[in-house]
């Protein structure tokens, strides 16, 4: 075992953390957390006192540090510094984030416009600050855990990678724990949250075969009945239906258009929208038109992305094909 890892575990446990039967190594998805003994359970628990609010973190000589005016015990600060320097920001985190953001910055103006309009990500705005601050913000945003109305960096649990169809991490007043898995012969994983592949790409910088796809923004006039249907193109994080209705305009916050786990969801969701609207003259084939619009826009993004030919644009192209496949499954 690595001496730094052994020291990290000893300090983590001394400060109330739990790291049972785990070690870090390279796997199929980069560095991850694995069981030492595959015949025993593995678990990581980070107590709340070791969690650091994102807003309390700043750059000092290009190292992540806790702001001096924030009330954290010196032992917590020392642990945080060692962890960031050797296992997170200073151990590939900064470099990987910078490579990803540089790849995005090399996108053409046409591709950036498509992303701004349809993925709702303004890359010019994202990169307008001093570059070191941009990288720090993107790194932290991709790592933090949202609890109630605050976001936290959670040492150790943060090192556990995301996987679709995994159990979610466990949040309590005492801290955050990996799921209560039985004995597993492989990498310890958990699910961060529900997100589309495209959103996962811009939020956390990697390709993941997420199971759900949401519509891009659109506006469709149904001329024979004088109704305009718009979609803002946002993610929906719960089952609630968010829509606004006026005399001749219907505005949807978001619209699921594919779900591997629940193939009927797009149809059932859209049928419920029609029921709430109460207008029986809206054609049923409207959803198929929405599918086609979504596929067409994704093909435009693929065409522009293929012109860039860097590693990041290749990932974007792969994601677009994946989302098209999921939409076609329902189309």
C-alpha atoms as a PDB file:
ATOM      1  CA  UNK A   1       0.000   0.000   0.000  1.00  0.00           C
ATOM      2  CA  UNK A   2       1.052   3.572  -0.645  1.00  0.00           C
ATOM      3  CA  UNK A   3       2.443   5.392   2.404  1.00  0.00           C
ATOM      4  CA  UNK A   4       0.336   8.495   1.677  1.00  0.00           C
ATOM      5  CA  UNK A   5      -2.795   6.365   1.468  1.00  0.00           C
ATOM      6  CA  UNK A   6      -1.985   4.691   4.776  1.00  0.00           C
ATOM      7  CA  UNK A   7      -1.416   8.071   6.411  1.00  0.00           C
ATOM      8  CA  UNK A   8      -4.650   9.443   4.928  1.00  0.00           C
ATOM      9  CA  UNK A   9      -6.639   6.502   6.284  1.00  0.00           C
ATOM     10  CA  UNK A  10      -5.106   6.785   9.745  1.00  0.00           C
ATOM     11  CA  UNK A  11      -5.919  10.511   9.970  1.00  0.00           C
ATOM     12  CA  UNK A  12      -9.368   9.991   8.460  1.00  0.00           C
ATOM     13  CA  UNK A  13     -10.221   7.323  11.015  1.00  0.00           C
ATOM     14  CA  UNK A  14      -8.708   9.326  13.885  1.00  0.00           C
ATOM     15  CA  UNK A  15     -11.030  12.202  12.974  1.00  0.00           C
ATOM     16  CA  UNK A  16     -14.128   9.997  12.975  1.00  0.00           C
ATOM     17  CA  UNK A  17     -14.192   8.641   9.440  1.00  0.00           C
ATOM     18  CA  UNK A  18     -14.856   5.019   8.516  1.00  0.00           C
ATOM     19  CA  UNK A  19     -12.899   3.316   5.746  1.00  0.00           C
ATOM     20  CA  UNK A  20     -13.523  -0.413   6.011  1.00  0.00           C
ATOM     21  CA  UNK A  21     -11.701  -2.814   3.705  1.00  0.00           C
ATOM     22  CA  UNK A  22     -10.897  -0.237   0.994  1.00  0.00           C
ATOM     23  CA  UNK A  23      -7.942   0.931  -1.059  1.00  0.00           C
ATOM     24  CA  UNK A  24      -7.462   3.124  -4.108  1.00  0.00           C
ATOM     25  CA  UNK A  25      -6.211   1.904  -7.471  1.00  0.00           C
ATOM     26  CA  UNK A  26      -6.635   2.398 -11.216  1.00  0.00           C
ATOM     27  CA  UNK A  27      -9.690   0.711 -12.726  1.00  0.00           C
ATOM     28  CA  UNK A  28     -11.679   0.798 -15.950  1.00  0.00           C
ATOM     29  CA  UNK A  29     -12.937   4.289 -15.105  1.00  0.00           C
ATOM     30  CA  UNK A  30      -9.694   5.752 -13.792  1.00  0.00           C
ATOM     31  CA  UNK A  31      -8.804   5.797 -10.133  1.00  0.00           C
ATOM     32  CA  UNK A  32     -11.459   4.337  -7.888  1.00  0.00           C
ATOM     33  CA  UNK A  33     -12.097   2.666  -4.542  1.00  0.00           C
ATOM     34  CA  UNK A  34     -11.915  -1.148  -4.323  1.00  0.00           C
ATOM     35  CA  UNK A  35     -12.262  -3.728  -1.546  1.00  0.00           C
ATOM     36  CA  UNK A  36      -9.008  -5.153  -0.222  1.00  0.00           C
ATOM     37  CA  UNK A  37     -10.661  -8.484   0.593  1.00  0.00           C
ATOM     38  CA  UNK A  38     -13.459  -9.333  -1.883  1.00  0.00           C
ATOM     39  CA  UNK A  39     -14.960 -11.715   0.682  1.00  0.00           C
ATOM     40  CA  UNK A  40     -15.742  -8.861   3.061  1.00  0.00           C
ATOM     41  CA  UNK A  41     -17.972  -5.787   2.909  1.00  0.00           C
ATOM     42  CA  UNK A  42     -16.416  -2.450   1.973  1.00  0.00           C
ATOM     43  CA  UNK A  43     -17.646   0.919   3.221  1.00  0.00           C
ATOM     44  CA  UNK A  44     -16.627   4.576   3.411  1.00  0.00           C
ATOM     45  CA  UNK A  45     -18.278   7.064   5.766  1.00  0.00           C
ATOM     46  CA  UNK A  46     -17.278  10.727   6.031  1.00  0.00           C
ATOM     47  CA  UNK A  47     -18.475  12.507   9.190  1.00  0.00           C
ATOM     48  CA  UNK A  48     -20.067  15.921   8.820  1.00  0.00           C
ATOM     49  CA  UNK A  49     -17.185  17.619  10.638  1.00  0.00           C
ATOM     50  CA  UNK A  50     -14.836  16.663   7.771  1.00  0.00           C
ATOM     51  CA  UNK A  51     -17.173  18.068   5.122  1.00  0.00           C
ATOM     52  CA  UNK A  52     -16.165  21.518   3.863  1.00  0.00           C
ATOM     53  CA  UNK A  53     -18.579  24.003   2.319  1.00  0.00           C
ATOM     54  CA  UNK A  54     -17.668  24.816  -1.263  1.00  0.00           C
ATOM     55  CA  UNK A  55     -17.942  28.564  -0.559  1.00  0.00           C
ATOM     56  CA  UNK A  56     -15.331  28.209   2.201  1.00  0.00           C
ATOM     57  CA  UNK A  57     -12.638  27.052  -0.255  1.00  0.00           C
ATOM     58  CA  UNK A  58     -10.221  29.275  -2.158  1.00  0.00           C
ATOM     59  CA  UNK A  59      -6.966  29.061  -4.117  1.00  0.00           C
ATOM     60  CA  UNK A  60      -3.716  29.813  -2.318  1.00  0.00           C
ATOM     61  CA  UNK A  61      -0.656  29.500  -4.563  1.00  0.00           C
ATOM     62  CA  UNK A  62      -2.798  27.298  -6.803  1.00  0.00           C
ATOM     63  CA  UNK A  63      -3.634  24.912  -3.959  1.00  0.00           C
ATOM     64  CA  UNK A  64      -7.113  24.389  -2.535  1.00  0.00           C
ATOM     65  CA  UNK A  65      -7.333  25.705   0.989  1.00  0.00           C
ATOM     66  CA  UNK A  66     -10.030  26.601   3.509  1.00  0.00           C
ATOM     67  CA  UNK A  67     -10.462  30.348   3.859  1.00  0.00           C
ATOM     68  CA  UNK A  68      -8.663  31.679   6.884  1.00  0.00           C
ATOM     69  CA  UNK A  69     -11.694  33.533   8.268  1.00  0.00           C
ATOM     70  CA  UNK A  70     -13.824  30.366   8.397  1.00  0.00           C
ATOM     71  CA  UNK A  71     -14.168  28.421  11.626  1.00  0.00           C
ATOM     72  CA  UNK A  72     -12.562  25.021  11.084  1.00  0.00           C
ATOM     73  CA  UNK A  73     -10.327  23.279  13.606  1.00  0.00           C
ATOM     74  CA  UNK A  74      -6.648  23.215  12.617  1.00  0.00           C
ATOM     75  CA  UNK A  75      -6.774  19.381  12.483  1.00  0.00           C
ATOM     76  CA  UNK A  76      -9.550  19.584   9.892  1.00  0.00           C
ATOM     77  CA  UNK A  77      -7.578  22.129   7.878  1.00  0.00           C
ATOM     78  CA  UNK A  78      -4.456  19.950   7.955  1.00  0.00           C
ATOM     79  CA  UNK A  79      -6.412  16.891   6.891  1.00  0.00           C
ATOM     80  CA  UNK A  80      -8.136  18.823   4.082  1.00  0.00           C
ATOM     81  CA  UNK A  81      -4.801  20.183   2.822  1.00  0.00           C
ATOM     82  CA  UNK A  82      -3.153  16.750   2.766  1.00  0.00           C
ATOM     83  CA  UNK A  83      -6.186  15.167   1.110  1.00  0.00           C
ATOM     84  CA  UNK A  84      -6.455  17.819  -1.628  1.00  0.00           C
ATOM     85  CA  UNK A  85      -2.721  17.897  -2.343  1.00  0.00           C
ATOM     86  CA  UNK A  86      -2.290  14.129  -2.565  1.00  0.00           C
ATOM     87  CA  UNK A  87      -5.625  12.590  -3.580  1.00  0.00           C
ATOM     88  CA  UNK A  88      -7.888  15.152  -5.196  1.00  0.00           C
ATOM     89  CA  UNK A  89      -7.014  18.565  -6.667  1.00  0.00           C
ATOM     90  CA  UNK A  90      -3.249  18.029  -6.543  1.00  0.00           C
ATOM     91  CA  UNK A  91      -3.321  14.433  -7.738  1.00  0.00           C
ATOM     92  CA  UNK A  92      -4.752  14.738 -11.235  1.00  0.00           C
ATOM     93  CA  UNK A  93      -7.953  16.596 -10.407  1.00  0.00           C
ATOM     94  CA  UNK A  94      -6.706  20.002 -11.525  1.00  0.00           C
ATOM     95  CA  UNK A  95      -4.992  18.624 -14.642  1.00  0.00           C
ATOM     96  CA  UNK A  96      -7.990  16.573 -15.769  1.00  0.00           C
ATOM     97  CA  UNK A  97     -10.375  19.472 -15.227  1.00  0.00           C
ATOM     98  CA  UNK A  98      -8.101  21.813 -17.161  1.00  0.00           C
ATOM     99  CA  UNK A  99      -7.795  19.403 -20.094  1.00  0.00           C
ATOM    100  CA  UNK A 100     -11.565  19.118 -20.285  1.00  0.00           C
ATOM    101  CA  UNK A 101     -12.182  22.861 -20.096  1.00  0.00           C
ATOM    102  CA  UNK A 102      -9.462  23.601 -22.662  1.00  0.00           C
ATOM    103  CA  UNK A 103     -11.138  21.101 -24.969  1.00  0.00           C
ATOM    104  CA  UNK A 104     -14.444  22.919 -24.553  1.00  0.00           C
ATOM    105  CA  UNK A 105     -12.787  26.292 -25.143  1.00  0.00           C
ATOM    106  CA  UNK A 106     -11.564  25.067 -28.561  1.00  0.00           C
ATOM    107  CA  UNK A 107     -15.099  24.421 -29.783  1.00  0.00           C
ATOM    108  CA  UNK A 108     -16.078  26.507 -32.810  1.00  0.00           C
ATOM    109  CA  UNK A 109     -18.417  29.476 -32.455  1.00  0.00           C
ATOM    110  CA  UNK A 110     -21.131  27.500 -34.289  1.00  0.00           C
ATOM    111  CA  UNK A 111     -20.851  24.593 -31.864  1.00  0.00           C
ATOM    112  CA  UNK A 112     -20.818  26.936 -28.874  1.00  0.00           C
ATOM    113  CA  UNK A 113     -23.996  28.583 -30.140  1.00  0.00           C
ATOM    114  CA  UNK A 114     -25.731  25.229 -30.555  1.00  0.00           C
ATOM    115  CA  UNK A 115     -24.674  24.237 -27.029  1.00  0.00           C
ATOM    116  CA  UNK A 116     -25.866  27.549 -25.593  1.00  0.00           C
ATOM    117  CA  UNK A 117     -29.236  27.348 -27.343  1.00  0.00           C
ATOM    118  CA  UNK A 118     -30.005  23.668 -26.903  1.00  0.00           C
ATOM    119  CA  UNK A 119     -27.902  22.389 -23.997  1.00  0.00           C
ATOM    120  CA  UNK A 120     -28.356  25.651 -22.060  1.00  0.00           C
ATOM    121  CA  UNK A 121     -24.616  25.888 -21.349  1.00  0.00           C
ATOM    122  CA  UNK A 122     -22.914  29.208 -22.157  1.00  0.00           C
ATOM    123  CA  UNK A 123     -19.245  28.283 -22.628  1.00  0.00           C
ATOM    124  CA  UNK A 124     -18.160  31.903 -23.120  1.00  0.00           C
ATOM    125  CA  UNK A 125     -19.737  32.811 -19.783  1.00  0.00           C
ATOM    126  CA  UNK A 126     -18.305  29.679 -18.171  1.00  0.00           C
ATOM    127  CA  UNK A 127     -14.751  30.663 -19.139  1.00  0.00           C
ATOM    128  CA  UNK A 128     -14.826  34.441 -18.706  1.00  0.00           C
ATOM    129  CA  UNK A 129     -13.111  34.592 -15.269  1.00  0.00           C
ATOM    130  CA  UNK A 130      -9.359  34.224 -14.625  1.00  0.00           C
ATOM    131  CA  UNK A 131      -8.390  30.783 -15.877  1.00  0.00           C
ATOM    132  CA  UNK A 132      -7.212  29.407 -12.517  1.00  0.00           C
ATOM    133  CA  UNK A 133     -10.510  30.426 -10.932  1.00  0.00           C
ATOM    134  CA  UNK A 134     -12.432  28.855 -13.804  1.00  0.00           C
ATOM    135  CA  UNK A 135     -10.654  25.527 -13.240  1.00  0.00           C
ATOM    136  CA  UNK A 136     -11.166  25.714  -9.476  1.00  0.00           C
ATOM    137  CA  UNK A 137     -14.895  26.391  -9.886  1.00  0.00           C
ATOM    138  CA  UNK A 138     -15.392  23.644 -12.454  1.00  0.00           C
ATOM    139  CA  UNK A 139     -13.420  21.168 -10.360  1.00  0.00           C
ATOM    140  CA  UNK A 140     -15.397  21.923  -7.204  1.00  0.00           C
ATOM    141  CA  UNK A 141     -18.744  21.942  -9.013  1.00  0.00           C
ATOM    142  CA  UNK A 142     -18.029  18.480 -10.383  1.00  0.00           C
ATOM    143  CA  UNK A 143     -17.102  17.098  -6.949  1.00  0.00           C
ATOM    144  CA  UNK A 144     -19.484  18.647  -4.451  1.00  0.00           C
ATOM    145  CA  UNK A 145     -22.445  16.972  -2.757  1.00  0.00           C
ATOM    146  CA  UNK A 146     -25.610  19.021  -2.404  1.00  0.00           C
ATOM    147  CA  UNK A 147     -27.264  18.729   0.993  1.00  0.00           C
ATOM    148  CA  UNK A 148     -30.395  20.798   1.537  1.00  0.00           C
ATOM    149  CA  UNK A 149     -29.403  24.288   0.361  1.00  0.00           C
ATOM    150  CA  UNK A 150     -25.620  23.964   0.662  1.00  0.00           C
ATOM    151  CA  UNK A 151     -22.879  22.226  -1.291  1.00  0.00           C
ATOM    152  CA  UNK A 152     -19.970  20.419   0.354  1.00  0.00           C
ATOM    153  CA  UNK A 153     -16.685  18.793  -0.581  1.00  0.00           C
ATOM    154  CA  UNK A 154     -16.785  15.371   1.081  1.00  0.00           C
ATOM    155  CA  UNK A 155     -13.284  13.870   1.399  1.00  0.00           C
ATOM    156  CA  UNK A 156     -12.967  10.102   0.835  1.00  0.00           C
ATOM    157  CA  UNK A 157     -16.603   9.530  -0.221  1.00  0.00           C
ATOM    158  CA  UNK A 158     -15.780  11.864  -3.127  1.00  0.00           C
ATOM    159  CA  UNK A 159     -13.235   9.302  -4.395  1.00  0.00           C
ATOM    160  CA  UNK A 160     -15.987   6.731  -5.044  1.00  0.00           C
ATOM    161  CA  UNK A 161     -16.959   6.850  -8.720  1.00  0.00           C
ATOM    162  CA  UNK A 162     -20.424   7.231 -10.210  1.00  0.00           C
ATOM    163  CA  UNK A 163     -22.173   4.388 -11.998  1.00  0.00           C
ATOM    164  CA  UNK A 164     -25.630   4.258 -13.539  1.00  0.00           C
ATOM    165  CA  UNK A 165     -27.991   1.838 -11.780  1.00  0.00           C
ATOM    166  CA  UNK A 166     -25.953   1.979  -8.584  1.00  0.00           C
ATOM    167  CA  UNK A 167     -27.498   2.732  -5.227  1.00  0.00           C
ATOM    168  CA  UNK A 168     -27.290   6.358  -4.053  1.00  0.00           C
ATOM    169  CA  UNK A 169     -24.954   7.453  -1.270  1.00  0.00           C
ATOM    170  CA  UNK A 170     -26.563   7.654   2.166  1.00  0.00           C
ATOM    171  CA  UNK A 171     -26.996  11.079   3.785  1.00  0.00           C
ATOM    172  CA  UNK A 172     -27.675  11.559   7.484  1.00  0.00           C
ATOM    173  CA  UNK A 173     -27.122  14.259  10.084  1.00  0.00           C
ATOM    174  CA  UNK A 174     -23.906  12.465  11.045  1.00  0.00           C
ATOM    175  CA  UNK A 175     -22.386  12.490   7.558  1.00  0.00           C
ATOM    176  CA  UNK A 176     -22.367  10.725   4.188  1.00  0.00           C
ATOM    177  CA  UNK A 177     -21.802   7.032   3.551  1.00  0.00           C
ATOM    178  CA  UNK A 178     -21.437   4.784   0.553  1.00  0.00           C
ATOM    179  CA  UNK A 179     -24.437   2.446  -0.003  1.00  0.00           C
ATOM    180  CA  UNK A 180     -24.897  -0.571   2.233  1.00  0.00           C
ATOM    181  CA  UNK A 181     -23.761  -3.074  -0.382  1.00  0.00           C
ATOM    182  CA  UNK A 182     -23.292  -6.775   0.264  1.00  0.00           C
ATOM    183  CA  UNK A 183     -19.886  -8.295  -0.472  1.00  0.00           C
ATOM    184  CA  UNK A 184     -18.822  -7.168  -3.969  1.00  0.00           C
ATOM    185  CA  UNK A 185     -16.036  -8.358  -6.232  1.00  0.00           C
ATOM    186  CA  UNK A 186     -15.161  -5.115  -7.958  1.00  0.00           C
ATOM    187  CA  UNK A 187     -15.043  -1.355  -7.653  1.00  0.00           C
ATOM    188  CA  UNK A 188     -17.159   0.353  -5.005  1.00  0.00           C
ATOM    189  CA  UNK A 189     -19.591   2.664  -6.835  1.00  0.00           C
ATOM    190  CA  UNK A 190     -22.599   4.831  -6.114  1.00  0.00           C
ATOM    191  CA  UNK A 191     -25.040   6.983  -8.057  1.00  0.00           C
ATOM    192  CA  UNK A 192     -24.586  10.741  -7.736  1.00  0.00           C
ATOM    193  CA  UNK A 193     -28.065  11.706  -8.984  1.00  0.00           C
ATOM    194  CA  UNK A 194     -30.403  11.390 -11.963  1.00  0.00           C
ATOM    195  CA  UNK A 195     -29.106  13.307 -14.949  1.00  0.00           C
ATOM    196  CA  UNK A 196     -29.084  13.077 -18.725  1.00  0.00           C
ATOM    197  CA  UNK A 197     -25.840  12.003 -20.476  1.00  0.00           C
ATOM    198  CA  UNK A 198     -25.377  15.505 -21.932  1.00  0.00           C
ATOM    199  CA  UNK A 199     -25.847  17.222 -18.587  1.00  0.00           C
ATOM    200  CA  UNK A 200     -23.480  14.755 -16.905  1.00  0.00           C
ATOM    201  CA  UNK A 201     -20.879  15.651 -19.559  1.00  0.00           C
ATOM    202  CA  UNK A 202     -21.030  19.405 -18.920  1.00  0.00           C
ATOM    203  CA  UNK A 203     -21.495  19.075 -15.156  1.00  0.00           C
ATOM    204  CA  UNK A 204     -18.881  16.443 -14.360  1.00  0.00           C
ATOM    205  CA  UNK A 205     -16.797  16.057 -17.484  1.00  0.00           C
ATOM    206  CA  UNK A 206     -17.247  12.444 -18.534  1.00  0.00           C
ATOM    207  CA  UNK A 207     -19.438  10.141 -20.617  1.00  0.00           C
ATOM    208  CA  UNK A 208     -21.937   8.041 -18.717  1.00  0.00           C
ATOM    209  CA  UNK A 209     -24.663   5.836 -20.166  1.00  0.00           C
ATOM    210  CA  UNK A 210     -27.404   7.553 -18.195  1.00  0.00           C
ATOM    211  CA  UNK A 211     -30.861   6.078 -18.664  1.00  0.00           C
ATOM    212  CA  UNK A 212     -32.953   9.222 -19.193  1.00  0.00           C
ATOM    213  CA  UNK A 213     -32.966  11.942 -21.865  1.00  0.00           C
ATOM    214  CA  UNK A 214     -34.760  15.294 -21.717  1.00  0.00           C
ATOM    215  CA  UNK A 215     -35.908  17.384 -24.640  1.00  0.00           C
ATOM    216  CA  UNK A 216     -33.944  20.326 -25.966  1.00  0.00           C
ATOM    217  CA  UNK A 217     -35.800  23.689 -25.934  1.00  0.00           C
ATOM    218  CA  UNK A 218     -38.420  23.945 -28.666  1.00  0.00           C
ATOM    219  CA  UNK A 219     -41.427  25.990 -29.742  1.00  0.00           C
ATOM    220  CA  UNK A 220     -44.168  24.419 -31.865  1.00  0.00           C
ATOM    221  CA  UNK A 221     -47.249  26.172 -33.270  1.00  0.00           C
ATOM    222  CA  UNK A 222     -50.333  24.009 -33.703  1.00  0.00           C
ATOM    223  CA  UNK A 223     -51.946  26.264 -36.254  1.00  0.00           C
ATOM    224  CA  UNK A 224     -55.293  24.552 -36.693  1.00  0.00           C
ATOM    225  CA  UNK A 225     -56.188  25.227 -33.049  1.00  0.00           C
ATOM    226  CA  UNK A 226     -54.039  28.334 -32.476  1.00  0.00           C
ATOM    227  CA  UNK A 227     -51.895  26.924 -29.661  1.00  0.00           C
ATOM    228  CA  UNK A 228     -48.142  27.323 -29.128  1.00  0.00           C
ATOM    229  CA  UNK A 229     -46.287  24.698 -27.068  1.00  0.00           C
ATOM    230  CA  UNK A 230     -42.858  25.594 -25.709  1.00  0.00           C
ATOM    231  CA  UNK A 231     -40.319  23.624 -23.723  1.00  0.00           C
ATOM    232  CA  UNK A 232     -37.564  25.329 -21.722  1.00  0.00           C
ATOM    233  CA  UNK A 233     -35.359  22.226 -21.983  1.00  0.00           C
ATOM    234  CA  UNK A 234     -34.551  21.896 -18.279  1.00  0.00           C
ATOM    235  CA  UNK A 235     -33.926  18.716 -16.315  1.00  0.00           C
ATOM    236  CA  UNK A 236     -36.698  17.453 -14.073  1.00  0.00           C
ATOM    237  CA  UNK A 237     -35.309  16.119 -10.805  1.00  0.00           C
ATOM    238  CA  UNK A 238     -38.568  14.680  -9.506  1.00  0.00           C
ATOM    239  CA  UNK A 239     -41.883  13.367 -10.801  1.00  0.00           C
ATOM    240  CA  UNK A 240     -43.704  16.682 -10.585  1.00  0.00           C
ATOM    241  CA  UNK A 241     -45.106  18.166 -13.778  1.00  0.00           C
ATOM    242  CA  UNK A 242     -44.008  21.754 -14.199  1.00  0.00           C
ATOM    243  CA  UNK A 243     -45.974  23.719 -16.772  1.00  0.00           C
ATOM    244  CA  UNK A 244     -47.578  27.116 -17.314  1.00  0.00           C
ATOM    245  CA  UNK A 245     -50.746  27.659 -19.304  1.00  0.00           C
ATOM    246  CA  UNK A 246     -52.330  30.780 -20.782  1.00  0.00           C
ATOM    247  CA  UNK A 247     -55.044  31.236 -23.413  1.00  0.00           C
ATOM    248  CA  UNK A 248     -52.957  30.109 -26.368  1.00  0.00           C
ATOM    249  CA  UNK A 249     -49.557  29.211 -24.907  1.00  0.00           C
ATOM    250  CA  UNK A 250     -48.327  26.187 -22.974  1.00  0.00           C
ATOM    251  CA  UNK A 251     -44.832  26.342 -21.461  1.00  0.00           C
ATOM    252  CA  UNK A 252     -43.173  23.167 -20.151  1.00  0.00           C
ATOM    253  CA  UNK A 253     -40.206  23.384 -17.769  1.00  0.00           C
ATOM    254  CA  UNK A 254     -38.853  20.121 -19.148  1.00  0.00           C
ATOM    255  CA  UNK A 255     -39.967  17.018 -20.993  1.00  0.00           C
ATOM    256  CA  UNK A 256     -38.592  13.464 -20.691  1.00  0.00           C
ATOM    257  CA  UNK A 257     -38.274  11.928 -24.150  1.00  0.00           C
ATOM    258  CA  UNK A 258     -36.499   8.654 -23.297  1.00  0.00           C
ATOM    259  CA  UNK A 259     -36.140   6.454 -20.237  1.00  0.00           C
ATOM    260  CA  UNK A 260     -34.545   3.017 -20.459  1.00  0.00           C
ATOM    261  CA  UNK A 261     -35.895   1.971 -17.080  1.00  0.00           C
ATOM    262  CA  UNK A 262     -39.438   3.189 -17.791  1.00  0.00           C
ATOM    263  CA  UNK A 263     -40.017   3.027 -21.575  1.00  0.00           C
ATOM    264  CA  UNK A 264     -43.604   4.286 -21.266  1.00  0.00           C
ATOM    265  CA  UNK A 265     -42.583   7.431 -19.378  1.00  0.00           C
ATOM    266  CA  UNK A 266     -42.388   9.843 -22.385  1.00  0.00           C
ATOM    267  CA  UNK A 267     -45.824   8.769 -23.600  1.00  0.00           C
ATOM    268  CA  UNK A 268     -47.473   8.713 -20.187  1.00  0.00           C
ATOM    269  CA  UNK A 269     -45.934  12.072 -19.279  1.00  0.00           C
ATOM    270  CA  UNK A 270     -47.096  13.645 -22.536  1.00  0.00           C
ATOM    271  CA  UNK A 271     -50.588  12.136 -22.190  1.00  0.00           C
ATOM    272  CA  UNK A 272     -50.813  13.695 -18.735  1.00  0.00           C
ATOM    273  CA  UNK A 273     -49.818  17.066 -20.206  1.00  0.00           C
ATOM    274  CA  UNK A 274     -52.604  16.768 -22.785  1.00  0.00           C
ATOM    275  CA  UNK A 275     -55.046  15.813 -20.042  1.00  0.00           C
ATOM    276  CA  UNK A 276     -54.093  18.851 -17.966  1.00  0.00           C
ATOM    277  CA  UNK A 277     -54.362  21.118 -21.015  1.00  0.00           C
ATOM    278  CA  UNK A 278     -57.836  19.766 -21.651  1.00  0.00           C
ATOM    279  CA  UNK A 279     -57.690  20.402 -25.402  1.00  0.00           C
ATOM    280  CA  UNK A 280     -58.639  17.204 -27.213  1.00  0.00           C
ATOM    281  CA  UNK A 281     -57.740  18.650 -30.612  1.00  0.00           C
ATOM    282  CA  UNK A 282     -53.979  18.476 -30.044  1.00  0.00           C
ATOM    283  CA  UNK A 283     -52.715  15.711 -32.359  1.00  0.00           C
ATOM    284  CA  UNK A 284     -51.251  12.609 -30.704  1.00  0.00           C
ATOM    285  CA  UNK A 285     -48.423  12.542 -33.252  1.00  0.00           C
ATOM    286  CA  UNK A 286     -47.072  15.784 -31.755  1.00  0.00           C
ATOM    287  CA  UNK A 287     -44.791  13.766 -29.471  1.00  0.00           C
ATOM    288  CA  UNK A 288     -43.299  11.999 -32.484  1.00  0.00           C
ATOM    289  CA  UNK A 289     -42.579  15.423 -33.997  1.00  0.00           C
ATOM    290  CA  UNK A 290     -40.816  16.406 -30.762  1.00  0.00           C
ATOM    291  CA  UNK A 291     -38.710  13.228 -30.987  1.00  0.00           C
ATOM    292  CA  UNK A 292     -37.738  14.144 -34.556  1.00  0.00           C
ATOM    293  CA  UNK A 293     -36.808  17.721 -33.629  1.00  0.00           C
ATOM    294  CA  UNK A 294     -34.592  16.420 -30.827  1.00  0.00           C
ATOM    295  CA  UNK A 295     -32.831  13.931 -33.090  1.00  0.00           C
ATOM    296  CA  UNK A 296     -32.308  16.575 -35.789  1.00  0.00           C
ATOM    297  CA  UNK A 297     -30.653  19.017 -33.359  1.00  0.00           C
ATOM    298  CA  UNK A 298     -28.398  16.305 -31.967  1.00  0.00           C
ATOM    299  CA  UNK A 299     -27.284  15.449 -35.492  1.00  0.00           C
ATOM    300  CA  UNK A 300     -26.398  19.121 -36.040  1.00  0.00           C
ATOM    301  CA  UNK A 301     -24.284  19.047 -32.880  1.00  0.00           C
ATOM    302  CA  UNK A 302     -22.568  15.862 -34.113  1.00  0.00           C
ATOM    303  CA  UNK A 303     -21.741  17.479 -37.462  1.00  0.00           C
ATOM    304  CA  UNK A 304     -20.197  20.515 -35.774  1.00  0.00           C
ATOM    305  CA  UNK A 305     -18.425  18.441 -33.118  1.00  0.00           C
ATOM    306  CA  UNK A 306     -16.834  16.188 -35.733  1.00  0.00           C
ATOM    307  CA  UNK A 307     -15.127  19.252 -37.238  1.00  0.00           C
ATOM    308  CA  UNK A 308     -13.206  19.962 -34.009  1.00  0.00           C
ATOM    309  CA  UNK A 309     -11.480  16.592 -33.591  1.00  0.00           C
ATOM    310  CA  UNK A 310     -10.187  16.854 -30.053  1.00  0.00           C
ATOM    311  CA  UNK A 311     -10.743  14.358 -27.233  1.00  0.00           C
ATOM    312  CA  UNK A 312     -13.526  16.400 -25.641  1.00  0.00           C
ATOM    313  CA  UNK A 313     -15.466  16.849 -28.883  1.00  0.00           C
ATOM    314  CA  UNK A 314     -15.187  13.090 -29.479  1.00  0.00           C
ATOM    315  CA  UNK A 315     -16.849  12.464 -26.118  1.00  0.00           C
ATOM    316  CA  UNK A 316     -19.604  14.944 -27.012  1.00  0.00           C
ATOM    317  CA  UNK A 317     -20.200  13.133 -30.305  1.00  0.00           C
ATOM    318  CA  UNK A 318     -20.381   9.801 -28.488  1.00  0.00           C
ATOM    319  CA  UNK A 319     -22.942  11.241 -26.073  1.00  0.00           C
ATOM    320  CA  UNK A 320     -25.091  12.598 -28.904  1.00  0.00           C
ATOM    321  CA  UNK A 321     -25.166   9.183 -30.600  1.00  0.00           C
ATOM    322  CA  UNK A 322     -26.077   7.578 -27.286  1.00  0.00           C
ATOM    323  CA  UNK A 323     -28.955  10.004 -26.723  1.00  0.00           C
ATOM    324  CA  UNK A 324     -30.196   9.540 -30.305  1.00  0.00           C
ATOM    325  CA  UNK A 325     -30.203   5.778 -29.774  1.00  0.00           C
ATOM    326  CA  UNK A 326     -32.284   6.182 -26.615  1.00  0.00           C
ATOM    327  CA  UNK A 327     -34.760   8.509 -28.356  1.00  0.00           C
ATOM    328  CA  UNK A 328     -35.028   6.199 -31.372  1.00  0.00           C
ATOM    329  CA  UNK A 329     -35.858   3.356 -29.024  1.00  0.00           C
ATOM    330  CA  UNK A 330     -39.071   5.233 -28.197  1.00  0.00           C
ATOM    331  CA  UNK A 331     -39.611   6.793 -31.613  1.00  0.00           C
END
